[in-house]
């Protein structure tokens, strides 16, 4: 359970961005499994998968930059 606390909490509180990342990661994995299992995957399922990966990568990048800026501001004070 320590890994969930490390991943989902920031300064002792649950981070909304981290929770969204966690839920979206589960969603992307389930869509990926659906695409692999279903032999007749539709093009729209692949588009949803690709768009979700782009959204997830962007959200992870924004979260990382936000945490780095917050830690940099705390060092300056």
Protein backbone atom coordinates (compact mmCIF):
# COMPACT_ATOMS: atom_id res chain seq x y z
CA UNK A 1 0.00 0.00 0.00
CA UNK A 2 3.01 2.30 0.36
CA UNK A 3 3.34 2.48 -3.42
CA UNK A 4 -0.22 3.82 -3.73
CA UNK A 5 0.47 6.44 -1.08
CA UNK A 6 3.65 7.48 -2.86
CA UNK A 7 1.97 7.65 -6.25
CA UNK A 8 -1.36 9.21 -5.34
CA UNK A 9 -0.47 11.60 -2.53
CA UNK A 10 1.38 14.90 -2.68
CA UNK A 11 2.23 16.64 0.60
CA UNK A 12 0.04 14.16 2.48
CA UNK A 13 -3.09 14.83 0.41
CA UNK A 14 -4.51 12.94 -2.53
CA UNK A 15 -3.70 14.74 -5.74
CA UNK A 16 -6.54 15.11 -8.22
CA UNK A 17 -4.16 14.83 -11.15
CA UNK A 18 -2.60 11.65 -9.78
CA UNK A 19 -6.02 10.08 -9.27
CA UNK A 20 -7.02 10.95 -12.83
CA UNK A 21 -3.76 9.47 -14.12
CA UNK A 22 -4.37 6.25 -12.16
CA UNK A 23 -7.97 5.86 -13.39
CA UNK A 24 -7.03 6.71 -16.98
CA UNK A 25 -4.17 4.21 -16.91
CA UNK A 26 -6.61 1.46 -15.95
CA UNK A 27 -8.94 2.64 -18.74
CA UNK A 28 -6.14 2.58 -21.32
CA UNK A 29 -5.06 -0.90 -20.26
CA UNK A 30 -8.65 -2.17 -20.59
CA UNK A 31 -9.03 -0.61 -24.05
CA UNK A 32 -5.70 -2.14 -25.08
CA UNK A 33 -6.82 -5.57 -23.89
CA UNK A 34 -10.08 -5.16 -25.79
CA UNK A 35 -8.18 -4.29 -28.98
CA UNK A 36 -5.88 -7.30 -28.61
CA UNK A 37 -8.63 -9.78 -27.72
CA UNK A 38 -11.14 -8.61 -30.34
CA UNK A 39 -9.90 -9.79 -33.73
CA UNK A 40 -12.06 -7.29 -35.59
CA UNK A 41 -10.93 -4.14 -33.80
CA UNK A 42 -12.50 -1.06 -35.23
CA UNK A 43 -10.47 1.92 -36.28
CA UNK A 44 -12.31 4.06 -33.73
CA UNK A 45 -11.08 1.87 -30.87
CA UNK A 46 -7.52 2.46 -32.03
CA UNK A 47 -8.18 6.20 -32.26
CA UNK A 48 -9.55 6.25 -28.71
CA UNK A 49 -6.51 4.30 -27.53
CA UNK A 50 -4.07 6.69 -29.24
CA UNK A 51 -5.90 9.79 -28.03
CA UNK A 52 -6.00 8.44 -24.48
CA UNK A 53 -2.26 7.77 -24.54
CA UNK A 54 -1.59 11.33 -25.71
CA UNK A 55 -3.84 12.72 -22.97
CA UNK A 56 -2.14 10.56 -20.33
CA UNK A 57 1.36 11.54 -21.46
CA UNK A 58 0.41 15.23 -21.41
CA UNK A 59 -1.13 14.95 -17.95
CA UNK A 60 1.94 13.15 -16.59
CA UNK A 61 4.15 15.87 -18.08
CA UNK A 62 2.07 18.66 -16.56
CA UNK A 63 2.11 16.93 -13.16
CA UNK A 64 5.88 16.47 -13.28
CA UNK A 65 6.52 20.09 -14.20
CA UNK A 66 4.11 21.27 -11.51
CA UNK A 67 5.87 19.22 -8.83
CA UNK A 68 9.30 20.44 -9.96
CA UNK A 69 8.16 24.06 -9.88
CA UNK A 70 6.60 23.61 -6.45
CA UNK A 71 9.77 22.06 -5.05
CA UNK A 72 11.88 24.81 -6.63
CA UNK A 73 9.67 27.49 -5.07
CA UNK A 74 9.95 25.80 -1.66
CA UNK A 75 13.75 25.80 -1.91
CA UNK A 76 13.78 29.52 -2.75
CA UNK A 77 11.80 30.45 0.35
